[in-house]
Amino acid sequence: MQFVKGMVVRSKNGHDKGSFYVVCGSEGRLLLSDGQAHPISRPKRKNPIHLAPTKTVLADESLLSDSEIRKALSRFSGRPDFSKEVM
């Protein structure tokens, strides 16, 4: 399976098993962001064999900010979108 920038993937192995990420790039391993624990500025590196691709590819506009990534991934994780949460 070819992973492309903007593709939503699910982790199959590791302590983050079942978590959803967006592919932000590639450096031998894939660079992943979830907009929260792993923002765009500090992406997670993960081996592609430990990922399950989805059919969803986000538009480039959705990859501009962490809040847009959180909003897009909230429908996959089954958790509500907390991007508008007031602290």
N, C-alpha and C. Protein backbone atom coordinates (compact mmCIF):
# COMPACT_ATOMS: atom_id res chain seq x y z
N MET A 1 0.85 -1.19 0.00
CA MET A 1 0.00 0.00 0.00
C MET A 1 0.88 1.24 0.00
N GLN A 2 0.56 2.17 -0.84
CA GLN A 2 1.28 3.43 -0.93
C GLN A 2 0.64 4.45 0.02
N PHE A 3 1.43 5.01 0.91
CA PHE A 3 0.95 6.03 1.82
C PHE A 3 1.25 7.39 1.21
N VAL A 4 0.25 8.27 1.20
CA VAL A 4 0.41 9.60 0.62
C VAL A 4 0.16 10.65 1.70
N LYS A 5 0.70 11.83 1.48
CA LYS A 5 0.52 12.93 2.43
C LYS A 5 -0.97 13.25 2.56
N GLY A 6 -1.43 13.35 3.80
CA GLY A 6 -2.83 13.64 4.07
C GLY A 6 -3.68 12.42 4.36
N MET A 7 -3.14 11.23 4.17
CA MET A 7 -3.90 9.99 4.40
C MET A 7 -4.08 9.75 5.90
N VAL A 8 -5.26 9.34 6.27
CA VAL A 8 -5.55 8.99 7.66
C VAL A 8 -5.20 7.52 7.84
N VAL A 9 -4.41 7.24 8.88
CA VAL A 9 -3.97 5.87 9.16
C VAL A 9 -4.26 5.52 10.61
N ARG A 10 -4.33 4.19 10.89
CA ARG A 10 -4.57 3.69 12.24
C ARG A 10 -3.36 2.86 12.66
N SER A 11 -2.90 3.06 13.87
CA SER A 11 -1.77 2.30 14.39
C SER A 11 -2.21 0.88 14.73
N LYS A 12 -1.45 -0.10 14.23
CA LYS A 12 -1.76 -1.51 14.50
C LYS A 12 -0.94 -2.07 15.66
N ASN A 13 0.24 -1.49 15.92
CA ASN A 13 1.14 -2.01 16.95
C ASN A 13 1.67 -0.88 17.80
N GLY A 14 2.16 -1.25 18.98
CA GLY A 14 2.79 -0.28 19.87
C GLY A 14 1.84 0.19 20.95
N HIS A 15 2.35 1.09 21.80
CA HIS A 15 1.53 1.60 22.91
C HIS A 15 0.38 2.48 22.41
N ASP A 16 0.45 2.94 21.16
CA ASP A 16 -0.61 3.78 20.60
C ASP A 16 -1.56 2.98 19.69
N LYS A 17 -1.61 1.68 19.89
CA LYS A 17 -2.46 0.80 19.08
C LYS A 17 -3.90 1.30 19.05
N GLY A 18 -4.45 1.44 17.84
CA GLY A 18 -5.83 1.89 17.68
C GLY A 18 -5.96 3.40 17.49
N SER A 19 -4.87 4.14 17.65
CA SER A 19 -4.90 5.59 17.48
C SER A 19 -4.87 5.97 16.00
N PHE A 20 -5.51 7.09 15.67
CA PHE A 20 -5.53 7.57 14.30
C PHE A 20 -4.59 8.75 14.15
N TYR A 21 -3.92 8.81 12.99
CA TYR A 21 -2.97 9.85 12.66
C TYR A 21 -3.16 10.27 11.22
N VAL A 22 -2.56 11.41 10.87
CA VAL A 22 -2.51 11.89 9.49
C VAL A 22 -1.06 11.83 9.05
N VAL A 23 -0.81 11.32 7.85
CA VAL A 23 0.54 11.27 7.30
C VAL A 23 0.94 12.68 6.87
N CYS A 24 2.05 13.17 7.42
CA CYS A 24 2.54 14.52 7.12
C CYS A 24 3.76 14.50 6.21
N GLY A 25 4.41 13.36 6.07
CA GLY A 25 5.60 13.27 5.24
C GLY A 25 6.28 11.93 5.42
N SER A 26 7.50 11.84 4.87
CA SER A 26 8.23 10.59 4.94
C SER A 26 9.73 10.88 5.00
N GLU A 27 10.43 10.20 5.89
CA GLU A 27 11.89 10.25 6.02
C GLU A 27 12.40 8.83 6.25
N GLY A 28 12.11 7.93 5.35
CA GLY A 28 12.39 6.51 5.58
C GLY A 28 11.25 5.87 6.34
N ARG A 29 10.88 6.48 7.43
CA ARG A 29 9.66 6.13 8.17
C ARG A 29 8.64 7.22 7.90
N LEU A 30 7.39 6.93 8.20
CA LEU A 30 6.35 7.95 7.98
C LEU A 30 6.33 8.93 9.13
N LEU A 31 6.05 10.18 8.82
CA LEU A 31 5.88 11.22 9.83
C LEU A 31 4.39 11.41 10.03
N LEU A 32 3.93 11.24 11.28
CA LEU A 32 2.50 11.25 11.60
C LEU A 32 2.18 12.35 12.59
N SER A 33 0.98 12.91 12.47
CA SER A 33 0.52 13.93 13.40
C SER A 33 -0.91 13.64 13.80
N ASP A 34 -1.21 13.90 15.08
CA ASP A 34 -2.59 13.81 15.55
C ASP A 34 -3.10 15.17 16.01
N GLY A 35 -2.26 16.19 15.92
CA GLY A 35 -2.66 17.54 16.28
C GLY A 35 -2.65 17.82 17.76
N GLN A 36 -2.32 16.85 18.58
CA GLN A 36 -2.34 17.05 20.02
C GLN A 36 -1.04 16.57 20.65
N ALA A 37 -0.89 15.30 20.89
CA ALA A 37 0.35 14.77 21.47
C ALA A 37 1.51 14.85 20.48
N HIS A 38 1.19 14.76 19.21
CA HIS A 38 2.19 14.85 18.15
C HIS A 38 1.73 15.92 17.14
N PRO A 39 2.06 17.18 17.42
CA PRO A 39 1.66 18.26 16.51
C PRO A 39 2.48 18.24 15.22
N ILE A 40 2.10 19.06 14.28
CA ILE A 40 2.80 19.13 12.99
C ILE A 40 4.27 19.49 13.19
N SER A 41 4.56 20.33 14.16
CA SER A 41 5.93 20.77 14.40
C SER A 41 6.82 19.66 14.99
N ARG A 42 6.21 18.62 15.57
CA ARG A 42 6.95 17.52 16.20
C ARG A 42 6.24 16.20 15.89
N PRO A 43 6.28 15.77 14.61
CA PRO A 43 5.53 14.57 14.23
C PRO A 43 6.14 13.29 14.78
N LYS A 44 5.31 12.27 14.88
CA LYS A 44 5.73 10.95 15.34
C LYS A 44 6.28 10.19 14.14
N ARG A 45 7.38 9.49 14.33
CA ARG A 45 7.95 8.64 13.28
C ARG A 45 7.51 7.20 13.54
N LYS A 46 6.99 6.56 12.48
CA LYS A 46 6.49 5.19 12.66
C LYS A 46 6.74 4.39 11.38
N ASN A 47 7.07 3.12 11.57
CA ASN A 47 7.30 2.21 10.47
C ASN A 47 5.98 1.93 9.75
N PRO A 48 5.94 2.01 8.41
CA PRO A 48 4.69 1.79 7.67
C PRO A 48 4.05 0.42 7.88
N ILE A 49 4.85 -0.60 8.22
CA ILE A 49 4.25 -1.93 8.41
C ILE A 49 3.40 -1.99 9.68
N HIS A 50 3.54 -1.00 10.56
CA HIS A 50 2.75 -0.95 11.80
C HIS A 50 1.51 -0.09 11.66
N LEU A 51 1.16 0.27 10.43
CA LEU A 51 0.02 1.15 10.18
C LEU A 51 -0.99 0.50 9.26
N ALA A 52 -2.26 0.79 9.50
CA ALA A 52 -3.34 0.35 8.62
C ALA A 52 -3.92 1.58 7.94
N PRO A 53 -3.88 1.63 6.61
CA PRO A 53 -4.42 2.80 5.92
C PRO A 53 -5.94 2.82 5.94
N THR A 54 -6.51 4.00 5.85
CA THR A 54 -7.94 4.14 5.63
C THR A 54 -8.12 4.67 4.22
N LYS A 55 -9.35 4.77 3.77
CA LYS A 55 -9.61 5.28 2.43
C LYS A 55 -9.66 6.80 2.39
N THR A 56 -9.52 7.45 3.54
CA THR A 56 -9.66 8.89 3.64
C THR A 56 -8.32 9.59 3.44
N VAL A 57 -8.31 10.58 2.55
CA VAL A 57 -7.16 11.45 2.36
C VAL A 57 -7.64 12.88 2.55
N LEU A 58 -7.03 13.58 3.50
CA LEU A 58 -7.44 14.95 3.80
C LEU A 58 -6.85 15.92 2.79
N ALA A 59 -7.57 16.99 2.53
CA ALA A 59 -7.09 18.03 1.63
C ALA A 59 -5.93 18.77 2.28
N ASP A 60 -5.11 19.42 1.48
CA ASP A 60 -3.95 20.15 2.00
C ASP A 60 -4.35 21.25 2.97
N GLU A 61 -5.54 21.82 2.81
CA GLU A 61 -6.00 22.87 3.73
C GLU A 61 -6.19 22.34 5.14
N SER A 62 -6.49 21.06 5.27
CA SER A 62 -6.71 20.46 6.59
C SER A 62 -5.40 20.18 7.32
N LEU A 63 -4.28 20.26 6.61
CA LEU A 63 -2.99 19.96 7.21
C LEU A 63 -2.24 21.22 7.64
N LEU A 64 -2.88 22.37 7.58
CA LEU A 64 -2.21 23.62 7.90
C LEU A 64 -2.07 23.88 9.39
N SER A 65 -2.99 23.37 10.19
CA SER A 65 -2.93 23.64 11.63
C SER A 65 -3.31 22.38 12.41
N ASP A 66 -2.85 22.36 13.66
CA ASP A 66 -3.15 21.23 14.54
C ASP A 66 -4.65 21.14 14.83
N SER A 67 -5.32 22.28 14.94
CA SER A 67 -6.75 22.26 15.24
C SER A 67 -7.55 21.64 14.09
N GLU A 68 -7.13 21.89 12.85
CA GLU A 68 -7.80 21.28 11.70
C GLU A 68 -7.60 19.76 11.68
N ILE A 69 -6.40 19.33 12.05
CA ILE A 69 -6.13 17.89 12.11
C ILE A 69 -6.96 17.24 13.20
N ARG A 70 -7.03 17.86 14.38
CA ARG A 70 -7.85 17.31 15.48
C ARG A 70 -9.31 17.21 15.06
N LYS A 71 -9.80 18.23 14.37
CA LYS A 71 -11.19 18.24 13.92
C LYS A 71 -11.44 17.10 12.93
N ALA A 72 -10.53 16.89 12.00
CA ALA A 72 -10.68 15.84 11.00
C ALA A 72 -10.60 14.45 11.62
N LEU A 73 -9.71 14.27 12.61
CA LEU A 73 -9.54 12.95 13.23
C LEU A 73 -10.60 12.64 14.27
N SER A 74 -11.33 13.64 14.75
CA SER A 74 -12.32 13.40 15.80
C SER A 74 -13.43 12.45 15.34
N ARG A 75 -13.74 12.43 14.07
CA ARG A 75 -14.80 11.53 13.59
C ARG A 75 -14.32 10.08 13.50
N PHE A 76 -13.01 9.85 13.47
CA PHE A 76 -12.46 8.50 13.42
C PHE A 76 -12.32 7.89 14.81
N SER A 77 -11.94 8.69 15.78
CA SER A 77 -11.63 8.17 17.10
C SER A 77 -12.85 7.89 17.95
N GLY A 78 -14.00 8.37 17.55
CA GLY A 78 -15.20 8.16 18.35
C GLY A 78 -15.30 9.11 19.52
N ARG A 79 -14.32 10.01 19.64
CA ARG A 79 -14.33 11.01 20.71
C ARG A 79 -14.84 12.32 20.15
N PRO A 80 -15.48 13.15 20.95
CA PRO A 80 -15.94 14.44 20.47
C PRO A 80 -14.77 15.36 20.15
N ASP A 81 -15.03 16.36 19.31
CA ASP A 81 -14.00 17.34 18.93
C ASP A 81 -13.86 18.36 20.05
N PHE A 82 -12.69 18.43 20.67
CA PHE A 82 -12.44 19.34 21.76
C PHE A 82 -11.68 20.59 21.33
N SER A 83 -11.62 20.87 20.03
CA SER A 83 -10.84 22.00 19.55
C SER A 83 -11.45 23.33 19.98
N LYS A 84 -12.73 23.34 20.34
CA LYS A 84 -13.38 24.57 20.76
C LYS A 84 -13.56 24.62 22.27
N GLU A 85 -12.92 23.72 22.97
CA GLU A 85 -13.03 23.65 24.41
C GLU A 85 -12.39 24.88 25.05
N VAL A 86 -13.07 25.48 25.99
CA VAL A 86 -12.57 26.66 26.68
C VAL A 86 -11.83 26.21 27.92
N MET A 87 -10.64 26.75 28.15
CA MET A 87 -9.85 26.36 29.33
C MET A 87 -10.09 27.31 30.45
